[in-house]
C-alpha atoms as a PDB file:
ATOM      1  CA  UNK A   1    -131.980  25.498 107.240  1.00  0.00           C
ATOM      2  CA  UNK A   2    -134.237  26.861 109.969  1.00  0.00           C
ATOM      3  CA  UNK A   3    -137.370  25.209 111.292  1.00  0.00           C
ATOM      4  CA  UNK A   4    -140.386  27.527 111.605  1.00  0.00           C
ATOM      5  CA  UNK A   5    -141.391  25.814 114.863  1.00  0.00           C
ATOM      6  CA  UNK A   6    -138.298  27.320 116.519  1.00  0.00           C
ATOM      7  CA  UNK A   7    -138.959  30.862 115.265  1.00  0.00           C
ATOM      8  CA  UNK A   8    -140.776  33.510 117.340  1.00  0.00           C
ATOM      9  CA  UNK A   9    -144.483  33.756 116.517  1.00  0.00           C
ATOM     10  CA  UNK A  10    -144.966  37.279 117.831  1.00  0.00           C
ATOM     11  CA  UNK A  11    -142.336  38.977 115.654  1.00  0.00           C
ATOM     12  CA  UNK A  12    -141.803  39.480 111.955  1.00  0.00           C
ATOM     13  CA  UNK A  13    -139.388  36.865 110.616  1.00  0.00           C
ATOM     14  CA  UNK A  14    -137.093  37.933 107.821  1.00  0.00           C
ATOM     15  CA  UNK A  15    -136.245  35.284 105.282  1.00  0.00           C
ATOM     16  CA  UNK A  16    -132.583  35.583 104.376  1.00  0.00           C
ATOM     17  CA  UNK A  17    -131.885  35.180 100.659  1.00  0.00           C
ATOM     18  CA  UNK A  18    -131.274  31.528  99.820  1.00  0.00           C
ATOM     19  CA  UNK A  19    -131.881  30.247 103.353  1.00  0.00           C
ATOM     20  CA  UNK A  20    -134.841  27.845 103.355  1.00  0.00           C
ATOM     21  CA  UNK A  21    -137.175  27.653 106.339  1.00  0.00           C
ATOM     22  CA  UNK A  22    -139.174  24.489 107.039  1.00  0.00           C
ATOM     23  CA  UNK A  23    -142.798  24.837 108.113  1.00  0.00           C
ATOM     24  CA  UNK A  24    -144.787  21.785 109.202  1.00  0.00           C
ATOM     25  CA  UNK A  25    -147.981  21.057 107.303  1.00  0.00           C
ATOM     26  CA  UNK A  26    -150.682  18.420 107.462  1.00  0.00           C
ATOM     27  CA  UNK A  27    -148.619  15.906 105.467  1.00  0.00           C
ATOM     28  CA  UNK A  28    -145.439  14.058 106.395  1.00  0.00           C
ATOM     29  CA  UNK A  29    -143.123  16.514 104.606  1.00  0.00           C
ATOM     30  CA  UNK A  30    -142.763  20.118 105.789  1.00  0.00           C
ATOM     31  CA  UNK A  31    -143.220  23.029 103.394  1.00  0.00           C
ATOM     32  CA  UNK A  32    -140.064  24.847 102.303  1.00  0.00           C
ATOM     33  CA  UNK A  33    -140.270  28.639 102.360  1.00  0.00           C
ATOM     34  CA  UNK A  34    -137.471  30.685 100.886  1.00  0.00           C
ATOM     35  CA  UNK A  35    -136.477  33.954  99.300  1.00  0.00           C
ATOM     36  CA  UNK A  36    -134.440  34.351  96.146  1.00  0.00           C
ATOM     37  CA  UNK A  37    -133.912  38.029  95.440  1.00  0.00           C
ATOM     38  CA  UNK A  38    -137.345  39.625  95.781  1.00  0.00           C
ATOM     39  CA  UNK A  39    -139.249  36.358  95.198  1.00  0.00           C
ATOM     40  CA  UNK A  40    -140.682  34.671  98.273  1.00  0.00           C
ATOM     41  CA  UNK A  41    -141.800  31.103  97.637  1.00  0.00           C
ATOM     42  CA  UNK A  42    -143.413  28.126  99.313  1.00  0.00           C
ATOM     43  CA  UNK A  43    -143.686  24.528  98.163  1.00  0.00           C
ATOM     44  CA  UNK A  44    -147.395  24.323  99.063  1.00  0.00           C
ATOM     45  CA  UNK A  45    -150.037  23.669  96.401  1.00  0.00           C
ATOM     46  CA  UNK A  46    -151.658  27.080  96.972  1.00  0.00           C
ATOM     47  CA  UNK A  47    -148.483  29.038  96.169  1.00  0.00           C
ATOM     48  CA  UNK A  48    -147.705  26.852  93.152  1.00  0.00           C
ATOM     49  CA  UNK A  49    -151.209  27.095  91.670  1.00  0.00           C
ATOM     50  CA  UNK A  50    -151.854  30.847  91.901  1.00  0.00           C
ATOM     51  CA  UNK A  51    -152.006  32.260  88.388  1.00  0.00           C
ATOM     52  CA  UNK A  52    -149.788  35.257  89.060  1.00  0.00           C
ATOM     53  CA  UNK A  53    -146.129  36.161  88.614  1.00  0.00           C
ATOM     54  CA  UNK A  54    -143.950  34.718  91.374  1.00  0.00           C
ATOM     55  CA  UNK A  55    -143.260  38.104  93.008  1.00  0.00           C
ATOM     56  CA  UNK A  56    -147.020  38.561  93.598  1.00  0.00           C
ATOM     57  CA  UNK A  57    -147.817  35.110  95.049  1.00  0.00           C
ATOM     58  CA  UNK A  58    -148.372  34.383  98.713  1.00  0.00           C
ATOM     59  CA  UNK A  59    -149.893  31.674 100.905  1.00  0.00           C
ATOM     60  CA  UNK A  60    -150.912  31.160 104.504  1.00  0.00           C
ATOM     61  CA  UNK A  61    -147.453  29.801 105.334  1.00  0.00           C
ATOM     62  CA  UNK A  62    -145.654  32.942 104.144  1.00  0.00           C
ATOM     63  CA  UNK A  63    -148.287  35.088 105.838  1.00  0.00           C
ATOM     64  CA  UNK A  64    -147.803  33.172 109.094  1.00  0.00           C
ATOM     65  CA  UNK A  65    -144.021  33.380 108.903  1.00  0.00           C
ATOM     66  CA  UNK A  66    -143.656  36.998 107.727  1.00  0.00           C
ATOM     67  CA  UNK A  67    -146.858  38.441 109.175  1.00  0.00           C
ATOM     68  CA  UNK A  68    -150.059  39.661 107.515  1.00  0.00           C
ATOM     69  CA  UNK A  69    -148.901  43.268 107.324  1.00  0.00           C
ATOM     70  CA  UNK A  70    -145.573  42.413 105.654  1.00  0.00           C
ATOM     71  CA  UNK A  71    -147.191  40.083 103.104  1.00  0.00           C
ATOM     72  CA  UNK A  72    -150.004  42.521 102.331  1.00  0.00           C
ATOM     73  CA  UNK A  73    -147.379  45.209 101.807  1.00  0.00           C
ATOM     74  CA  UNK A  74    -145.423  42.906  99.505  1.00  0.00           C
ATOM     75  CA  UNK A  75    -148.242  41.469  97.334  1.00  0.00           C
ATOM     76  CA  UNK A  76    -151.066  43.947  97.980  1.00  0.00           C
ATOM     77  CA  UNK A  77    -154.685  43.256  98.894  1.00  0.00           C
ATOM     78  CA  UNK A  78    -155.203  41.635  95.482  1.00  0.00           C
ATOM     79  CA  UNK A  79    -152.430  39.091  96.158  1.00  0.00           C
ATOM     80  CA  UNK A  80    -153.941  38.216  99.539  1.00  0.00           C
ATOM     81  CA  UNK A  81    -157.402  37.867  97.952  1.00  0.00           C
ATOM     82  CA  UNK A  82    -156.070  35.546  95.220  1.00  0.00           C
ATOM     83  CA  UNK A  83    -154.356  33.371  97.816  1.00  0.00           C
ATOM     84  CA  UNK A  84    -157.545  33.132  99.892  1.00  0.00           C
ATOM     85  CA  UNK A  85    -159.648  32.348  96.803  1.00  0.00           C
ATOM     86  CA  UNK A  86    -157.238  29.613  95.663  1.00  0.00           C
ATOM     87  CA  UNK A  87    -157.268  28.066  99.142  1.00  0.00           C
ATOM     88  CA  UNK A  88    -161.072  28.064  99.169  1.00  0.00           C
ATOM     89  CA  UNK A  89    -161.200  26.605  95.638  1.00  0.00           C
ATOM     90  CA  UNK A  90    -158.786  23.772  96.470  1.00  0.00           C
ATOM     91  CA  UNK A  91    -160.498  22.980  99.775  1.00  0.00           C
ATOM     92  CA  UNK A  92    -163.900  22.793  98.044  1.00  0.00           C
ATOM     93  CA  UNK A  93    -162.474  20.500  95.341  1.00  0.00           C
ATOM     94  CA  UNK A  94    -160.862  18.316  98.005  1.00  0.00           C
ATOM     95  CA  UNK A  95    -164.173  18.096  99.891  1.00  0.00           C
ATOM     96  CA  UNK A  96    -166.034  17.052  96.722  1.00  0.00           C
ATOM     97  CA  UNK A  97    -163.467  14.315  96.067  1.00  0.00           C
ATOM     98  CA  UNK A  98    -163.654  13.110  99.683  1.00  0.00           C
ATOM     99  CA  UNK A  99    -167.453  12.950  99.445  1.00  0.00           C
ATOM    100  CA  UNK A 100    -167.223  11.049  96.174  1.00  0.00           C
ATOM    101  CA  UNK A 101    -164.720   8.597  97.677  1.00  0.00           C
ATOM    102  CA  UNK A 102    -166.905   8.149 100.748  1.00  0.00           C
ATOM    103  CA  UNK A 103    -169.922   7.430  98.545  1.00  0.00           C
ATOM    104  CA  UNK A 104    -167.858   4.796  96.723  1.00  0.00           C
ATOM    105  CA  UNK A 105    -166.473   3.321  99.947  1.00  0.00           C
ATOM    106  CA  UNK A 106    -162.930   4.572  99.294  1.00  0.00           C
ATOM    107  CA  UNK A 107    -161.579   6.353 102.379  1.00  0.00           C
ATOM    108  CA  UNK A 108    -158.100   7.157 101.113  1.00  0.00           C
ATOM    109  CA  UNK A 109    -158.083  10.664 102.601  1.00  0.00           C
ATOM    110  CA  UNK A 110    -157.161  14.057 101.258  1.00  0.00           C
ATOM    111  CA  UNK A 111    -156.222  14.612  97.644  1.00  0.00           C
ATOM    112  CA  UNK A 112    -155.140  18.219  98.180  1.00  0.00           C
ATOM    113  CA  UNK A 113    -151.873  18.802  96.381  1.00  0.00           C
ATOM    114  CA  UNK A 114    -151.803  15.365  94.749  1.00  0.00           C
ATOM    115  CA  UNK A 115    -151.623  14.888  91.016  1.00  0.00           C
ATOM    116  CA  UNK A 116    -154.492  13.154  89.211  1.00  0.00           C
ATOM    117  CA  UNK A 117    -153.975   9.503  88.321  1.00  0.00           C
ATOM    118  CA  UNK A 118    -154.146   8.554  84.670  1.00  0.00           C
ATOM    119  CA  UNK A 119    -156.518   5.726  83.786  1.00  0.00           C
ATOM    120  CA  UNK A 120    -154.625   2.492  83.263  1.00  0.00           C
ATOM    121  CA  UNK A 121    -151.441   3.639  85.048  1.00  0.00           C
ATOM    122  CA  UNK A 122    -149.842   1.213  87.476  1.00  0.00           C
ATOM    123  CA  UNK A 123    -149.085   1.660  91.140  1.00  0.00           C
ATOM    124  CA  UNK A 124    -145.836   0.571  92.836  1.00  0.00           C
ATOM    125  CA  UNK A 125    -147.118  -3.000  93.150  1.00  0.00           C
ATOM    126  CA  UNK A 126    -147.905  -3.126  89.437  1.00  0.00           C
ATOM    127  CA  UNK A 127    -151.705  -3.110  89.879  1.00  0.00           C
ATOM    128  CA  UNK A 128    -153.770  -1.181  87.339  1.00  0.00           C
ATOM    129  CA  UNK A 129    -155.295   2.002  88.759  1.00  0.00           C
ATOM    130  CA  UNK A 130    -158.793   3.150  88.041  1.00  0.00           C
ATOM    131  CA  UNK A 131    -159.490   6.765  87.232  1.00  0.00           C
ATOM    132  CA  UNK A 132    -162.504   8.381  88.849  1.00  0.00           C
ATOM    133  CA  UNK A 133    -164.361  10.540  86.264  1.00  0.00           C
END
């Protein structure tokens, strides 16, 4: 498994089939980028949430690793646009949730990529969680 931090940033990086590449993100776990056949994938929330067949999905991590030109050639301008729109949509939703938490005095941080909590579910300590409407 290669680490993206050790890869050259000025050259196109080819993902070998089945060989995952780790790319650091804002969270504690790095994103895993890989290629299986002609499908390039990433474990980020943007790639997973794009409503498109897997061969036509992209994200900023794949674009950074492979290069804008290679990714545009692979998914087309429409694929790049959908990725950018999904990123904007998720960032706006995250900002609204942060503002709502701040207004309620809850400064738990980003919710980007996290699953919603069901009302009445319990956390690891067994405390009941509240669901924000």
